[in-house]
Amino acid sequence: MNVPAVAEPRRLLTGVLLAGAGAIAFSCKAIIVKLAYRYGVDATTTIMYRMLFALPLFLILSWWAGRGRPSPSARDWRTLFGLGFCGYYLASYLDFAGLQYINANLERLILYLNPTIVLLAGKLLFKKAVTRRQWLALGVSYIGVLLVFGHDVQAGSDIALGAALVFGSAVSYALYLVYSGEAVHRLGALRVTGLATTIACILCIGQFFILKPPAAMIVAPEVLWLSALNAVLCTFVPVLITMMALERIGAGITAQIGMIGPMSTILLSVLILGEPFTLWTGLGTGLVLAGVWVLARRPAVRSA
């Protein structure tokens, strides 16, 4: 039976909408975390509640993605633990800690350097070649972040600490991306995501009870519903819909559409958090987006 001609455009449109929704949902995380901090909680408590609410969802995802497949080997579990620790536990904790000191705009721009960090990691760890176009993209992106950072750091030394923590988060997640390829090939993307994030959830919850007494779980009701929203809307749902987008339109287009993430963060931070939008923020954002766009573009195929 022939596939209707309208099926391909519809698939493309669906993929574009899913990629856009995933980028915006991911970007809302910083807004929700900053709102939760207004109720006197710290990073350890906030991330514990986020992961506590997310844990059942990722357990279900792990079970669903693993149906009919053999159980992971001991080697797979060691790899998954490393990926969960680096990509979701450490990256999340450093990000949440950094948000205590910097605004959501700068946080999102720093995290958006992730593709450039992956590129540099490939160069340093695996001796992968970097083209002139890619070096140009790296330079433009980092100049953009430095513009915003140079303006914001005048407000105090805490800005430098927060930026360093968030950059550490970006590096940690980039290492997860670099080393996850083999596990994804063996186990599948959704299964790796579900199992690695489940491990990270357990680590975040365990960290809370190591560092704090059980009485510290008593928080304002607003923190609970913000954490639940963060777990579902900004953690679990974006993972699923971004994977669905990748299946429909590929990584290149998904990455390019993902550039609306920083823009949505800026808009929401101004409307919801009351953060200022300065000329430096606009210039820095434009440069970061330009650099990532250059990286996301596929090289033109020359005709014979």
Protein backbone atom coordinates (compact mmCIF):
# COMPACT_ATOMS: atom_id res chain seq x y z
CA MET A 1 0.00 0.00 0.00
CA ASN A 2 1.36 3.42 -0.93
CA VAL A 3 2.08 5.92 1.84
CA PRO A 4 -0.12 9.03 1.44
CA ALA A 5 1.81 12.05 0.18
CA VAL A 6 0.64 14.07 3.17
CA ALA A 7 2.27 11.63 5.63
CA GLU A 8 5.83 12.97 5.26
CA PRO A 9 4.97 16.68 5.79
CA ARG A 10 2.79 15.68 8.74
CA ARG A 11 5.67 13.65 10.22
CA LEU A 12 8.03 16.61 9.76
CA LEU A 13 5.58 19.03 11.37
CA THR A 14 5.02 16.66 14.29
CA GLY A 15 8.76 16.32 14.80
CA VAL A 16 9.27 20.09 14.73
CA LEU A 17 6.50 20.66 17.27
CA LEU A 18 7.83 17.93 19.55
CA ALA A 19 11.39 19.30 19.38
CA GLY A 20 10.18 22.81 20.14
CA ALA A 21 8.04 21.66 23.05
CA GLY A 22 10.92 19.62 24.46
CA ALA A 23 13.33 22.56 24.29
CA ILE A 24 10.89 24.89 26.03
CA ALA A 25 10.04 22.32 28.70
CA PHE A 26 13.72 21.71 29.46
CA SER A 27 14.28 25.45 29.73
CA CYS A 28 11.44 25.89 32.24
CA LYS A 29 13.49 23.95 34.81
CA ALA A 30 15.55 26.98 35.80
CA ILE A 31 12.43 29.10 36.26
CA ILE A 32 10.80 26.53 38.54
CA VAL A 33 13.98 26.05 40.59
CA LYS A 34 14.35 29.80 41.11
CA LEU A 35 10.71 29.98 42.23
CA ALA A 36 11.28 27.15 44.73
CA TYR A 37 14.31 28.94 46.20
CA ARG A 38 12.00 31.77 47.24
CA TYR A 39 10.58 29.45 49.91
CA GLY A 40 13.86 29.00 51.76
CA VAL A 41 15.03 25.62 50.44
CA ASP A 42 18.53 24.81 49.21
CA ALA A 43 19.84 22.84 46.24
CA THR A 44 20.06 19.52 48.12
CA THR A 45 16.42 19.65 49.18
CA THR A 46 15.13 20.93 45.85
CA ILE A 47 16.87 18.27 43.78
CA MET A 48 15.83 15.53 46.22
CA TYR A 49 12.15 16.36 45.76
CA ARG A 50 12.54 16.68 42.00
CA MET A 51 14.10 13.21 41.80
CA LEU A 52 11.69 11.72 44.33
CA PHE A 53 8.75 12.65 42.11
CA ALA A 54 10.59 11.62 38.94
CA LEU A 55 11.74 8.20 40.22
CA PRO A 56 8.47 6.27 39.60
CA LEU A 57 8.23 7.70 36.09
CA PHE A 58 11.73 6.58 35.13
CA LEU A 59 11.23 3.17 36.73
CA ILE A 60 8.20 2.71 34.48
CA LEU A 61 10.20 3.94 31.47
CA SER A 62 13.01 1.47 32.27
CA TRP A 63 10.53 -1.41 32.51
CA TRP A 64 8.71 -0.43 29.31
CA ALA A 65 11.90 0.06 27.27
CA GLY A 66 13.33 -3.25 28.50
CA ARG A 67 10.34 -5.47 27.70
CA GLY A 68 11.38 -8.63 25.86
CA ARG A 69 15.08 -7.78 26.09
CA PRO A 70 17.79 -9.53 28.10
CA SER A 71 18.78 -8.06 31.45
CA PRO A 72 21.80 -5.72 31.45
CA SER A 73 25.11 -7.44 32.16
CA ALA A 74 27.37 -6.57 35.10
CA ARG A 75 29.43 -4.47 32.70
CA ASP A 76 26.28 -2.67 31.56
CA TRP A 77 25.33 -1.87 35.16
CA ARG A 78 28.79 -0.41 35.83
CA THR A 79 28.44 1.75 32.74
CA LEU A 80 24.91 2.80 33.68
CA PHE A 81 26.05 3.76 37.18
CA GLY A 82 28.80 5.94 35.73
CA LEU A 83 26.38 7.54 33.28
CA GLY A 84 23.76 8.12 35.97
CA PHE A 85 26.30 9.62 38.35
CA CYS A 86 27.91 11.90 35.76
CA GLY A 87 25.04 12.79 33.47
CA TYR A 88 22.10 13.19 35.82
CA TYR A 89 23.21 13.23 39.45
CA LEU A 90 26.33 15.40 39.33
CA ALA A 91 25.15 17.55 36.43
CA SER A 92 21.79 18.19 38.13
CA TYR A 93 23.28 18.95 41.53
CA LEU A 94 25.88 21.40 40.16
CA ASP A 95 23.19 23.10 38.08
CA PHE A 96 20.81 23.49 41.02
CA ALA A 97 23.65 24.72 43.24
CA GLY A 98 24.71 27.28 40.64
CA LEU A 99 21.17 28.63 40.32
CA GLN A 100 21.42 29.81 43.91
CA TYR A 101 23.89 32.48 42.74
CA ILE A 102 23.10 33.39 39.13
CA ASN A 103 19.97 34.26 37.19
CA ALA A 104 18.14 31.88 34.89
CA ASN A 105 19.34 33.67 31.74
CA LEU A 106 23.04 33.15 32.41
CA GLU A 107 22.42 29.57 33.58
CA ARG A 108 20.69 28.65 30.34
CA LEU A 109 23.38 30.27 28.18
CA ILE A 110 26.15 28.36 30.00
CA LEU A 111 24.29 25.06 29.65
CA TYR A 112 23.78 25.83 25.99
CA LEU A 113 27.55 25.55 25.55
CA ASN A 114 27.06 21.79 25.88
CA PRO A 115 27.51 20.99 22.15
CA THR A 116 30.78 22.91 22.12
CA ILE A 117 32.00 21.03 25.22
CA VAL A 118 31.13 17.72 23.55
CA LEU A 119 33.15 18.83 20.53
CA LEU A 120 36.15 19.76 22.69
CA ALA A 121 35.87 16.51 24.67
CA GLY A 122 35.97 14.53 21.43
CA LYS A 123 39.09 16.44 20.42
CA LEU A 124 40.87 15.93 23.77
CA LEU A 125 39.74 12.39 24.61
CA PHE A 126 39.47 10.73 21.21
CA LYS A 127 41.65 12.99 19.01
CA LYS A 128 38.71 13.79 16.73
CA ALA A 129 39.39 16.45 14.12
CA VAL A 130 37.80 19.88 14.57
CA THR A 131 37.16 21.93 11.44
CA ARG A 132 37.68 25.67 11.07
CA ARG A 133 33.93 26.14 10.97
CA GLN A 134 33.61 24.33 14.30
CA TRP A 135 36.42 26.37 15.89
CA LEU A 136 34.63 29.52 14.71
CA ALA A 137 31.38 28.28 16.28
CA LEU A 138 33.22 27.58 19.54
CA GLY A 139 34.73 31.04 19.64
CA VAL A 140 31.47 32.83 18.88
CA SER A 141 29.55 30.86 21.54
CA TYR A 142 32.08 31.46 24.30
CA ILE A 143 32.36 35.17 23.49
CA GLY A 144 28.57 35.35 23.89
CA VAL A 145 28.65 33.77 27.35
CA LEU A 146 31.60 35.92 28.40
CA LEU A 147 29.69 39.06 27.42
CA VAL A 148 26.80 38.21 29.73
CA PHE A 149 29.09 36.89 32.47
CA GLY A 150 31.32 39.98 32.33
CA HIS A 151 28.29 42.19 32.83
CA ASP A 152 26.69 40.09 35.59
CA VAL A 153 29.88 39.42 37.57
CA GLN A 154 30.00 43.10 38.53
CA ALA A 155 27.15 42.33 40.94
CA GLY A 156 29.47 40.26 43.17
CA SER A 157 31.86 37.34 43.42
CA ASP A 158 28.97 34.90 43.96
CA ILE A 159 28.20 35.24 40.25
CA ALA A 160 31.59 33.71 39.42
CA LEU A 161 30.91 30.81 41.81
CA GLY A 162 27.46 30.18 40.34
CA ALA A 163 28.77 30.34 36.77
CA ALA A 164 31.58 27.89 37.63
CA LEU A 165 29.10 25.43 39.17
CA VAL A 166 26.77 25.57 36.15
CA PHE A 167 29.71 25.22 33.75
CA GLY A 168 30.77 22.16 35.75
CA SER A 169 27.25 20.84 35.21
CA ALA A 170 27.58 21.37 31.46
CA VAL A 171 30.93 19.55 31.42
CA SER A 172 29.51 16.66 33.45
CA TYR A 173 26.56 16.23 31.08
CA ALA A 174 28.83 16.54 28.04
CA LEU A 175 30.91 13.63 29.36
CA TYR A 176 27.70 11.63 29.72
CA LEU A 177 26.90 12.29 26.05
CA VAL A 178 30.43 11.40 24.95
CA TYR A 179 30.51 8.07 26.79
CA SER A 180 26.87 7.01 26.42
CA GLY A 181 27.07 6.04 22.76
CA GLU A 182 28.16 2.43 23.28
CA ALA A 183 25.55 1.81 25.99
CA VAL A 184 22.81 3.34 23.83
CA HIS A 185 23.84 1.07 20.96
CA ARG A 186 23.62 -2.05 23.16
CA LEU A 187 20.57 -1.22 25.29
CA GLY A 188 18.64 1.47 23.39
CA ALA A 189 18.32 5.19 24.09
CA LEU A 190 15.15 5.08 26.17
CA ARG A 191 16.36 2.18 28.29
CA VAL A 192 19.71 3.87 29.01
CA THR A 193 17.93 7.11 29.87
CA GLY A 194 15.44 5.35 32.14
CA LEU A 195 18.01 3.26 34.01
CA ALA A 196 20.68 5.96 34.28
CA THR A 197 18.16 8.50 35.54
CA THR A 198 16.75 5.98 38.02
CA ILE A 199 20.26 5.55 39.44
CA ALA A 200 20.64 9.34 39.60
CA CYS A 201 17.31 9.67 41.42
CA ILE A 202 18.45 7.19 44.07
CA LEU A 203 21.77 9.05 44.47
CA CYS A 204 20.05 12.43 44.88
CA ILE A 205 17.58 11.07 47.44
CA GLY A 206 20.38 9.27 49.31
CA GLN A 207 22.50 12.43 49.36
CA PHE A 208 19.70 14.32 51.08
CA PHE A 209 19.40 11.81 53.91
CA ILE A 210 23.18 11.66 54.35
CA LEU A 211 23.49 15.44 54.64
CA LYS A 212 20.22 16.32 56.37
CA PRO A 213 17.91 14.93 59.06
CA PRO A 214 14.50 13.55 58.02
CA ALA A 215 12.85 16.61 59.58
CA ALA A 216 14.37 18.70 56.75
CA MET A 217 11.78 17.12 54.44
CA ILE A 218 9.19 19.47 55.91
CA VAL A 219 8.99 22.28 53.38
CA ALA A 220 6.41 24.76 52.15
CA PRO A 221 3.60 23.18 50.08
CA GLU A 222 4.65 25.37 47.16
CA VAL A 223 8.02 23.59 47.05
CA LEU A 224 6.26 20.24 46.73
CA TRP A 225 4.06 21.16 43.80
CA LEU A 226 6.87 23.05 42.08
CA SER A 227 9.09 19.98 42.46
CA ALA A 228 6.38 17.72 41.07
CA LEU A 229 5.96 20.09 38.12
CA ASN A 230 9.72 20.10 37.61
CA ALA A 231 9.88 16.30 37.71
CA VAL A 232 7.10 15.78 35.18
CA LEU A 233 7.09 18.82 32.89
CA CYS A 234 10.81 19.65 32.87
CA THR A 235 12.42 16.24 33.37
CA PHE A 236 10.38 13.24 32.25
CA VAL A 237 8.20 14.69 29.47
CA PRO A 238 11.06 16.46 27.61
CA VAL A 239 13.09 13.24 27.54
CA LEU A 240 10.24 11.39 25.84
CA ILE A 241 9.17 14.02 23.34
CA THR A 242 12.74 14.88 22.36
CA MET A 243 13.37 11.20 21.60
CA MET A 244 10.18 11.17 19.52
CA ALA A 245 11.38 14.26 17.66
CA LEU A 246 14.77 12.65 16.95
CA GLU A 247 13.02 9.66 15.39
CA ARG A 248 11.05 11.94 13.05
CA ILE A 249 13.44 14.71 12.02
CA GLY A 250 16.94 13.63 13.10
CA ALA A 251 19.52 15.12 15.44
CA GLY A 252 20.54 18.09 13.27
CA ILE A 253 17.10 19.66 12.92
CA THR A 254 16.25 18.83 16.52
CA ALA A 255 19.38 20.66 17.68
CA GLN A 256 18.56 23.71 15.58
CA ILE A 257 14.99 23.87 16.88
CA GLY A 258 16.37 23.49 20.40
CA MET A 259 17.81 26.99 20.05
CA ILE A 260 14.45 28.37 21.11
CA GLY A 261 15.31 27.08 24.60
CA PRO A 262 17.41 30.06 25.72
CA MET A 263 14.92 32.47 24.18
CA SER A 264 12.05 30.92 26.11
CA THR A 265 14.10 31.05 29.33
CA ILE A 266 14.79 34.76 28.83
CA LEU A 267 11.12 35.49 28.17
CA LEU A 268 9.90 33.47 31.14
CA SER A 269 12.56 34.87 33.48
CA VAL A 270 11.44 38.40 32.63
CA LEU A 271 7.71 37.65 32.87
CA ILE A 272 7.72 35.32 35.90
CA LEU A 273 10.89 36.05 37.86
CA GLY A 274 11.16 39.75 37.09
CA GLU A 275 14.78 39.39 35.94
CA PRO A 276 16.05 42.30 33.82
CA PHE A 277 16.68 41.94 30.10
CA THR A 278 19.77 43.94 29.23
CA LEU A 279 21.57 44.75 26.01
CA TRP A 280 24.41 42.47 27.15
CA THR A 281 21.97 39.60 27.63
CA GLY A 282 20.59 40.11 24.13
CA LEU A 283 24.02 40.31 22.49
CA GLY A 284 25.35 37.30 24.41
CA THR A 285 22.31 35.20 23.62
CA GLY A 286 22.56 36.05 19.94
CA LEU A 287 26.21 35.00 19.80
CA VAL A 288 25.62 31.74 21.67
CA LEU A 289 22.71 30.84 19.40
CA ALA A 290 24.76 31.72 16.32
CA GLY A 291 27.60 29.45 17.43
CA VAL A 292 25.33 26.51 18.22
CA TRP A 293 23.48 27.01 14.94
CA VAL A 294 26.76 26.75 13.03
CA LEU A 295 27.57 23.52 14.89
CA ALA A 296 24.11 22.08 14.25
CA ARG A 297 24.18 22.75 10.52
CA ARG A 298 25.06 19.87 8.29
CA PRO A 299 27.82 20.58 5.81
CA ALA A 300 26.46 21.19 2.35
CA VAL A 301 26.81 18.22 0.03
CA ARG A 302 28.69 19.16 -3.10
CA SER A 303 27.36 17.91 -6.40
CA ALA A 304 29.68 15.75 -8.47
